Amino acid sequence: MKAIVHVGLKPGVLDPQGKAVADTLGRMGFDEVASARIGKVIELDLTGIAQADAEIRVKEMCEKLLANMVIETYRIEFEG
């Protein structure tokens, strides 16, 4: 089974990298881009664990290492 973790900044947290991307896209002629937020995607291949247990374990992983809970949020998807 695969767990896909999407991590992004909480609303209101400044995103200088996202601002730089949005500004550069605007200068390149992509005027429709009003803003951008940068996040990360983490794919975890899990073996030997039931879906219900995987949900608990991946949540623990997010809260202990994968996401900075002070400034980031996360969302988990499972495949397979």
PDB file of N, CA and C in Angstrom:
ATOM      1  N   MET A   1       0.855  -1.156   0.000  1.00  0.00           N
ATOM      2  CA  MET A   1       0.000   0.000   0.000  1.00  0.00           C
ATOM      3  C   MET A   1       0.905   1.223   0.000  1.00  0.00           C
ATOM      4  N   LYS A   2       0.424   2.290  -0.609  1.00  0.00           N
ATOM      5  CA  LYS A   2       1.180   3.526  -0.668  1.00  0.00           C
ATOM      6  C   LYS A   2       0.406   4.614   0.059  1.00  0.00           C
ATOM      7  N   ALA A   3       1.122   5.366   0.899  1.00  0.00           N
ATOM      8  CA  ALA A   3       0.553   6.548   1.536  1.00  0.00           C
ATOM      9  C   ALA A   3       1.182   7.766   0.876  1.00  0.00           C
ATOM     10  N   ILE A   4       0.347   8.691   0.467  1.00  0.00           N
ATOM     11  CA  ILE A   4       0.829   9.933  -0.134  1.00  0.00           C
ATOM     12  C   ILE A   4       0.457  11.060   0.825  1.00  0.00           C
ATOM     13  N   VAL A   5       1.473  11.762   1.313  1.00  0.00           N
ATOM     14  CA  VAL A   5       1.282  12.824   2.283  1.00  0.00           C
ATOM     15  C   VAL A   5       1.520  14.164   1.586  1.00  0.00           C
ATOM     16  N   HIS A   6       0.528  15.031   1.634  1.00  0.00           N
ATOM     17  CA  HIS A   6       0.634  16.381   1.078  1.00  0.00           C
ATOM     18  C   HIS A   6       0.820  17.336   2.250  1.00  0.00           C
ATOM     19  N   VAL A   7       1.930  18.065   2.244  1.00  0.00           N
ATOM     20  CA  VAL A   7       2.240  18.988   3.323  1.00  0.00           C
ATOM     21  C   VAL A   7       2.284  20.405   2.748  1.00  0.00           C
ATOM     22  N   GLY A   8       1.623  21.339   3.413  1.00  0.00           N
ATOM     23  CA  GLY A   8       1.638  22.723   2.968  1.00  0.00           C
ATOM     24  C   GLY A   8       1.589  23.663   4.153  1.00  0.00           C
ATOM     25  N   LEU A   9       1.884  24.923   3.885  1.00  0.00           N
ATOM     26  CA  LEU A   9       1.863  25.923   4.948  1.00  0.00           C
ATOM     27  C   LEU A   9       0.435  26.245   5.356  1.00  0.00           C
ATOM     28  N   LYS A  10       0.243  26.518   6.634  1.00  0.00           N
ATOM     29  CA  LYS A  10      -1.060  26.931   7.131  1.00  0.00           C
ATOM     30  C   LYS A  10      -1.403  28.299   6.537  1.00  0.00           C
ATOM     31  N   PRO A  11      -2.703  28.588   6.394  1.00  0.00           N
ATOM     32  CA  PRO A  11      -3.098  29.919   5.928  1.00  0.00           C
ATOM     33  C   PRO A  11      -2.513  30.993   6.854  1.00  0.00           C
ATOM     34  N   GLY A  12      -2.057  32.065   6.265  1.00  0.00           N
ATOM     35  CA  GLY A  12      -1.505  33.162   7.056  1.00  0.00           C
ATOM     36  C   GLY A  12      -0.005  33.072   7.276  1.00  0.00           C
ATOM     37  N   VAL A  13       0.598  31.905   7.024  1.00  0.00           N
ATOM     38  CA  VAL A  13       2.051  31.760   7.160  1.00  0.00           C
ATOM     39  C   VAL A  13       2.684  32.271   5.874  1.00  0.00           C
ATOM     40  N   LEU A  14       3.646  33.167   6.008  1.00  0.00           N
ATOM     41  CA  LEU A  14       4.310  33.721   4.829  1.00  0.00           C
ATOM     42  C   LEU A  14       5.040  32.630   4.058  1.00  0.00           C
ATOM     43  N   ASP A  15       4.997  32.733   2.735  1.00  0.00           N
ATOM     44  CA  ASP A  15       5.626  31.749   1.851  1.00  0.00           C
ATOM     45  C   ASP A  15       6.514  32.486   0.855  1.00  0.00           C
ATOM     46  N   PRO A  16       7.746  32.843   1.252  1.00  0.00           N
ATOM     47  CA  PRO A  16       8.612  33.596   0.348  1.00  0.00           C
ATOM     48  C   PRO A  16       8.922  32.851  -0.948  1.00  0.00           C
ATOM     49  N   GLN A  17       9.040  31.534  -0.893  1.00  0.00           N
ATOM     50  CA  GLN A  17       9.304  30.756  -2.095  1.00  0.00           C
ATOM     51  C   GLN A  17       8.102  30.821  -3.033  1.00  0.00           C
ATOM     52  N   GLY A  18       6.906  30.712  -2.493  1.00  0.00           N
ATOM     53  CA  GLY A  18       5.702  30.818  -3.308  1.00  0.00           C
ATOM     54  C   GLY A  18       5.568  32.197  -3.930  1.00  0.00           C
ATOM     55  N   LYS A  19       5.901  33.242  -3.163  1.00  0.00           N
ATOM     56  CA  LYS A  19       5.849  34.603  -3.690  1.00  0.00           C
ATOM     57  C   LYS A  19       6.835  34.776  -4.833  1.00  0.00           C
ATOM     58  N   ALA A  20       8.041  34.229  -4.681  1.00  0.00           N
ATOM     59  CA  ALA A  20       9.044  34.324  -5.733  1.00  0.00           C
ATOM     60  C   ALA A  20       8.567  33.624  -7.009  1.00  0.00           C
ATOM     61  N   VAL A  21       7.947  32.470  -6.860  1.00  0.00           N
ATOM     62  CA  VAL A  21       7.427  31.739  -8.016  1.00  0.00           C
ATOM     63  C   VAL A  21       6.319  32.541  -8.697  1.00  0.00           C
ATOM     64  N   ALA A  22       5.376  33.072  -7.917  1.00  0.00           N
ATOM     65  CA  ALA A  22       4.277  33.851  -8.488  1.00  0.00           C
ATOM     66  C   ALA A  22       4.794  35.095  -9.192  1.00  0.00           C
ATOM     67  N   ASP A  23       5.741  35.797  -8.579  1.00  0.00           N
ATOM     68  CA  ASP A  23       6.308  37.000  -9.195  1.00  0.00           C
ATOM     69  C   ASP A  23       7.022  36.672 -10.506  1.00  0.00           C
ATOM     70  N   THR A  24       7.801  35.598 -10.500  1.00  0.00           N
ATOM     71  CA  THR A  24       8.532  35.203 -11.705  1.00  0.00           C
ATOM     72  C   THR A  24       7.579  34.786 -12.813  1.00  0.00           C
ATOM     73  N   LEU A  25       6.551  34.020 -12.477  1.00  0.00           N
ATOM     74  CA  LEU A  25       5.571  33.631 -13.493  1.00  0.00           C
ATOM     75  C   LEU A  25       4.897  34.869 -14.092  1.00  0.00           C
ATOM     76  N   GLY A  26       4.595  35.856 -13.260  1.00  0.00           N
ATOM     77  CA  GLY A  26       4.011  37.094 -13.755  1.00  0.00           C
ATOM     78  C   GLY A  26       4.934  37.801 -14.731  1.00  0.00           C
ATOM     79  N   ARG A  27       6.220  37.861 -14.398  1.00  0.00           N
ATOM     80  CA  ARG A  27       7.204  38.491 -15.289  1.00  0.00           C
ATOM     81  C   ARG A  27       7.367  37.714 -16.589  1.00  0.00           C
ATOM     82  N   MET A  28       7.076  36.415 -16.553  1.00  0.00           N
ATOM     83  CA  MET A  28       7.186  35.582 -17.753  1.00  0.00           C
ATOM     84  C   MET A  28       5.943  35.660 -18.624  1.00  0.00           C
ATOM     85  N   GLY A  29       4.962  36.453 -18.217  1.00  0.00           N
ATOM     86  CA  GLY A  29       3.759  36.620 -19.014  1.00  0.00           C
ATOM     87  C   GLY A  29       2.559  35.817 -18.557  1.00  0.00           C
ATOM     88  N   PHE A  30       2.692  35.099 -17.461  1.00  0.00           N
ATOM     89  CA  PHE A  30       1.571  34.322 -16.931  1.00  0.00           C
ATOM     90  C   PHE A  30       0.796  35.200 -15.935  1.00  0.00           C
ATOM     91  N   ASP A  31       0.115  36.204 -16.478  1.00  0.00           N
ATOM     92  CA  ASP A  31      -0.557  37.210 -15.652  1.00  0.00           C
ATOM     93  C   ASP A  31      -1.724  36.653 -14.842  1.00  0.00           C
ATOM     94  N   GLU A  32      -2.222  35.483 -15.211  1.00  0.00           N
ATOM     95  CA  GLU A  32      -3.359  34.906 -14.495  1.00  0.00           C
ATOM     96  C   GLU A  32      -2.979  34.356 -13.117  1.00  0.00           C
ATOM     97  N   VAL A  33      -1.677  34.246 -12.838  1.00  0.00           N
ATOM     98  CA  VAL A  33      -1.238  33.722 -11.540  1.00  0.00           C
ATOM     99  C   VAL A  33      -1.265  34.852 -10.519  1.00  0.00           C
ATOM    100  N   ALA A  34      -2.204  34.786  -9.584  1.00  0.00           N
ATOM    101  CA  ALA A  34      -2.336  35.809  -8.549  1.00  0.00           C
ATOM    102  C   ALA A  34      -1.408  35.524  -7.365  1.00  0.00           C
ATOM    103  N   SER A  35      -1.226  34.241  -7.053  1.00  0.00           N
ATOM    104  CA  SER A  35      -0.344  33.866  -5.952  1.00  0.00           C
ATOM    105  C   SER A  35       0.006  32.390  -6.102  1.00  0.00           C
ATOM    106  N   ALA A  36       1.010  31.961  -5.351  1.00  0.00           N
ATOM    107  CA  ALA A  36       1.421  30.554  -5.356  1.00  0.00           C
ATOM    108  C   ALA A  36       1.834  30.177  -3.940  1.00  0.00           C
ATOM    109  N   ARG A  37       1.591  28.936  -3.595  1.00  0.00           N
ATOM    110  CA  ARG A  37       2.036  28.377  -2.319  1.00  0.00           C
ATOM    111  C   ARG A  37       2.850  27.131  -2.649  1.00  0.00           C
ATOM    112  N   ILE A  38       3.967  26.964  -1.987  1.00  0.00           N
ATOM    113  CA  ILE A  38       4.841  25.822  -2.224  1.00  0.00           C
ATOM    114  C   ILE A  38       4.659  24.822  -1.089  1.00  0.00           C
ATOM    115  N   GLY A  39       4.540  23.568  -1.440  1.00  0.00           N
ATOM    116  CA  GLY A  39       4.409  22.503  -0.453  1.00  0.00           C
ATOM    117  C   GLY A  39       5.297  21.338  -0.843  1.00  0.00           C
ATOM    118  N   LYS A  40       5.032  20.210  -0.238  1.00  0.00           N
ATOM    119  CA  LYS A  40       5.796  19.010  -0.571  1.00  0.00           C
ATOM    120  C   LYS A  40       4.874  17.800  -0.569  1.00  0.00           C
ATOM    121  N   VAL A  41       5.266  16.808  -1.348  1.00  0.00           N
ATOM    122  CA  VAL A  41       4.539  15.546  -1.414  1.00  0.00           C
ATOM    123  C   VAL A  41       5.522  14.445  -1.026  1.00  0.00           C
ATOM    124  N   ILE A  42       5.111  13.611  -0.095  1.00  0.00           N
ATOM    125  CA  ILE A  42       5.943  12.513   0.383  1.00  0.00           C
ATOM    126  C   ILE A  42       5.197  11.217   0.117  1.00  0.00           C
ATOM    127  N   GLU A  43       5.824  10.308  -0.630  1.00  0.00           N
ATOM    128  CA  GLU A  43       5.224   9.005  -0.922  1.00  0.00           C
ATOM    129  C   GLU A  43       5.895   7.954  -0.056  1.00  0.00           C
ATOM    130  N   LEU A  44       5.094   7.220   0.684  1.00  0.00           N
ATOM    131  CA  LEU A  44       5.590   6.166   1.566  1.00  0.00           C
ATOM    132  C   LEU A  44       5.054   4.820   1.085  1.00  0.00           C
ATOM    133  N   ASP A  45       5.929   3.874   0.808  1.00  0.00           N
ATOM    134  CA  ASP A  45       5.507   2.513   0.487  1.00  0.00           C
ATOM    135  C   ASP A  45       5.440   1.734   1.795  1.00  0.00           C
ATOM    136  N   LEU A  46       4.263   1.248   2.119  1.00  0.00           N
ATOM    137  CA  LEU A  46       4.037   0.551   3.379  1.00  0.00           C
ATOM    138  C   LEU A  46       3.799  -0.928   3.113  1.00  0.00           C
ATOM    139  N   THR A  47       4.359  -1.777   3.965  1.00  0.00           N
ATOM    140  CA  THR A  47       4.137  -3.215   3.839  1.00  0.00           C
ATOM    141  C   THR A  47       3.788  -3.797   5.200  1.00  0.00           C
ATOM    142  N   GLY A  48       3.019  -4.871   5.180  1.00  0.00           N
ATOM    143  CA  GLY A  48       2.722  -5.616   6.383  1.00  0.00           C
ATOM    144  C   GLY A  48       1.881  -4.871   7.401  1.00  0.00           C
ATOM    145  N   ILE A  49       0.982  -4.012   6.922  1.00  0.00           N
ATOM    146  CA  ILE A  49       0.156  -3.243   7.855  1.00  0.00           C
ATOM    147  C   ILE A  49      -1.243  -3.088   7.276  1.00  0.00           C
ATOM    148  N   ALA A  50      -2.242  -3.227   8.120  1.00  0.00           N
ATOM    149  CA  ALA A  50      -3.639  -3.075   7.696  1.00  0.00           C
ATOM    150  C   ALA A  50      -3.947  -1.588   7.488  1.00  0.00           C
ATOM    151  N   GLN A  51      -4.941  -1.316   6.659  1.00  0.00           N
ATOM    152  CA  GLN A  51      -5.321   0.068   6.327  1.00  0.00           C
ATOM    153  C   GLN A  51      -5.597   0.900   7.577  1.00  0.00           C
ATOM    154  N   ALA A  52      -6.365   0.368   8.501  1.00  0.00           N
ATOM    155  CA  ALA A  52      -6.710   1.125   9.714  1.00  0.00           C
ATOM    156  C   ALA A  52      -5.466   1.461  10.531  1.00  0.00           C
ATOM    157  N   ASP A  53      -4.565   0.500  10.653  1.00  0.00           N
ATOM    158  CA  ASP A  53      -3.322   0.740  11.388  1.00  0.00           C
ATOM    159  C   ASP A  53      -2.423   1.705  10.627  1.00  0.00           C
ATOM    160  N   ALA A  54      -2.410   1.602   9.311  1.00  0.00           N
ATOM    161  CA  ALA A  54      -1.591   2.493   8.489  1.00  0.00           C
ATOM    162  C   ALA A  54      -2.019   3.943   8.681  1.00  0.00           C
ATOM    163  N   GLU A  55      -3.311   4.186   8.752  1.00  0.00           N
ATOM    164  CA  GLU A  55      -3.812   5.551   8.941  1.00  0.00           C
ATOM    165  C   GLU A  55      -3.284   6.136  10.250  1.00  0.00           C
ATOM    166  N   ILE A  56      -3.295   5.347  11.292  1.00  0.00           N
ATOM    167  CA  ILE A  56      -2.803   5.802  12.598  1.00  0.00           C
ATOM    168  C   ILE A  56      -1.298   6.054  12.551  1.00  0.00           C
ATOM    169  N   ARG A  57      -0.572   5.102  11.973  1.00  0.00           N
ATOM    170  CA  ARG A  57       0.896   5.203  11.936  1.00  0.00           C
ATOM    171  C   ARG A  57       1.365   6.377  11.081  1.00  0.00           C
ATOM    172  N   VAL A  58       0.760   6.578   9.919  1.00  0.00           N
ATOM    173  CA  VAL A  58       1.179   7.675   9.049  1.00  0.00           C
ATOM    174  C   VAL A  58       0.843   9.016   9.697  1.00  0.00           C
ATOM    175  N   LYS A  59      -0.265   9.093  10.377  1.00  0.00           N
ATOM    176  CA  LYS A  59      -0.604  10.324  11.114  1.00  0.00           C
ATOM    177  C   LYS A  59       0.487  10.613  12.150  1.00  0.00           C
ATOM    178  N   GLU A  60       0.918   9.591  12.875  1.00  0.00           N
ATOM    179  CA  GLU A  60       1.998   9.765  13.850  1.00  0.00           C
ATOM    180  C   GLU A  60       3.271  10.251  13.170  1.00  0.00           C
ATOM    181  N   MET A  61       3.593   9.669  11.995  1.00  0.00           N
ATOM    182  CA  MET A  61       4.790  10.073  11.251  1.00  0.00           C
ATOM    183  C   MET A  61       4.722  11.550  10.874  1.00  0.00           C
ATOM    184  N   CYS A  62       3.547  11.970  10.428  1.00  0.00           N
ATOM    185  CA  CYS A  62       3.362  13.371  10.035  1.00  0.00           C
ATOM    186  C   CYS A  62       3.575  14.297  11.223  1.00  0.00           C
ATOM    187  N   GLU A  63       2.975  13.963  12.343  1.00  0.00           N
ATOM    188  CA  GLU A  63       3.014  14.847  13.494  1.00  0.00           C
ATOM    189  C   GLU A  63       4.359  14.831  14.223  1.00  0.00           C
ATOM    190  N   LYS A  64       5.155  13.771  14.014  1.00  0.00           N
ATOM    191  CA  LYS A  64       6.458  13.694  14.673  1.00  0.00           C
ATOM    192  C   LYS A  64       7.611  14.131  13.782  1.00  0.00           C
ATOM    193  N   LEU A  65       7.461  14.020  12.437  1.00  0.00           N
ATOM    194  CA  LEU A  65       8.601  14.308  11.565  1.00  0.00           C
ATOM    195  C   LEU A  65       8.241  14.996  10.249  1.00  0.00           C
ATOM    196  N   LEU A  66       7.243  14.498   9.563  1.00  0.00           N
ATOM    197  CA  LEU A  66       7.019  14.922   8.184  1.00  0.00           C
ATOM    198  C   LEU A  66       6.452  16.326   8.039  1.00  0.00           C
ATOM    199  N   ALA A  67       5.711  16.804   9.029  1.00  0.00           N
ATOM    200  CA  ALA A  67       5.136  18.149   8.977  1.00  0.00           C
ATOM    201  C   ALA A  67       5.495  18.907  10.248  1.00  0.00           C
ATOM    202  N   ASN A  68       5.778  20.181  10.092  1.00  0.00           N
ATOM    203  CA  ASN A  68       6.001  21.052  11.244  1.00  0.00           C
ATOM    204  C   ASN A  68       4.627  21.547  11.670  1.00  0.00           C
ATOM    205  N   MET A  69       4.088  20.984  12.716  1.00  0.00           N
ATOM    206  CA  MET A  69       2.704  21.238  13.099  1.00  0.00           C
ATOM    207  C   MET A  69       2.446  22.692  13.515  1.00  0.00           C
ATOM    208  N   VAL A  70       3.474  23.452  13.771  1.00  0.00           N
ATOM    209  CA  VAL A  70       3.307  24.860  14.126  1.00  0.00           C
ATOM    210  C   VAL A  70       2.902  25.676  12.903  1.00  0.00           C
ATOM    211  N   ILE A  71       3.511  25.371  11.740  1.00  0.00           N
ATOM    212  CA  ILE A  71       3.269  26.200  10.555  1.00  0.00           C
ATOM    213  C   ILE A  71       2.715  25.441   9.352  1.00  0.00           C
ATOM    214  N   GLU A  72       2.604  24.118   9.448  1.00  0.00           N
ATOM    215  CA  GLU A  72       2.173  23.326   8.298  1.00  0.00           C
ATOM    216  C   GLU A  72       0.935  22.488   8.618  1.00  0.00           C
ATOM    217  N   THR A  73       0.218  22.161   7.563  1.00  0.00           N
ATOM    218  CA  THR A  73      -0.879  21.202   7.634  1.00  0.00           C
ATOM    219  C   THR A  73      -0.517  20.023   6.736  1.00  0.00           C
ATOM    220  N   TYR A  74      -1.226  18.926   6.906  1.00  0.00           N
ATOM    221  CA  TYR A  74      -0.985  17.773   6.036  1.00  0.00           C
ATOM    222  C   TYR A  74      -2.300  17.090   5.710  1.00  0.00           C
ATOM    223  N   ARG A  75      -2.264  16.355   4.599  1.00  0.00           N
ATOM    224  CA  ARG A  75      -3.404  15.543   4.151  1.00  0.00           C
ATOM    225  C   ARG A  75      -2.823  14.228   3.661  1.00  0.00           C
ATOM    226  N   ILE A  76      -3.467  13.129   4.024  1.00  0.00           N
ATOM    227  CA  ILE A  76      -2.964  11.793   3.669  1.00  0.00           C
ATOM    228  C   ILE A  76      -3.933  11.120   2.722  1.00  0.00           C
ATOM    229  N   GLU A  77      -3.395  10.516   1.660  1.00  0.00           N
ATOM    230  CA  GLU A  77      -4.162   9.673   0.732  1.00  0.00           C
ATOM    231  C   GLU A  77      -3.531   8.281   0.734  1.00  0.00           C
ATOM    232  N   PHE A  78      -4.354   7.277   0.526  1.00  0.00           N
ATOM    233  CA  PHE A  78      -3.844   5.912   0.425  1.00  0.00           C
ATOM    234  C   PHE A  78      -4.187   5.327  -0.928  1.00  0.00           C
ATOM    235  N   GLU A  79      -3.245   4.586  -1.511  1.00  0.00           N
ATOM    236  CA  GLU A  79      -3.463   3.854  -2.754  1.00  0.00           C
ATOM    237  C   GLU A  79      -3.131   2.395  -2.521  1.00  0.00           C
ATOM    238  N   GLY A  80      -3.890   1.541  -3.176  1.00  0.00           N
ATOM    239  CA  GLY A  80      -3.598   0.110  -3.101  1.00  0.00           C
ATOM    240  C   GLY A  80      -4.053  -0.450  -1.832  1.00  0.00           C
TER     241      GLY A  80
END
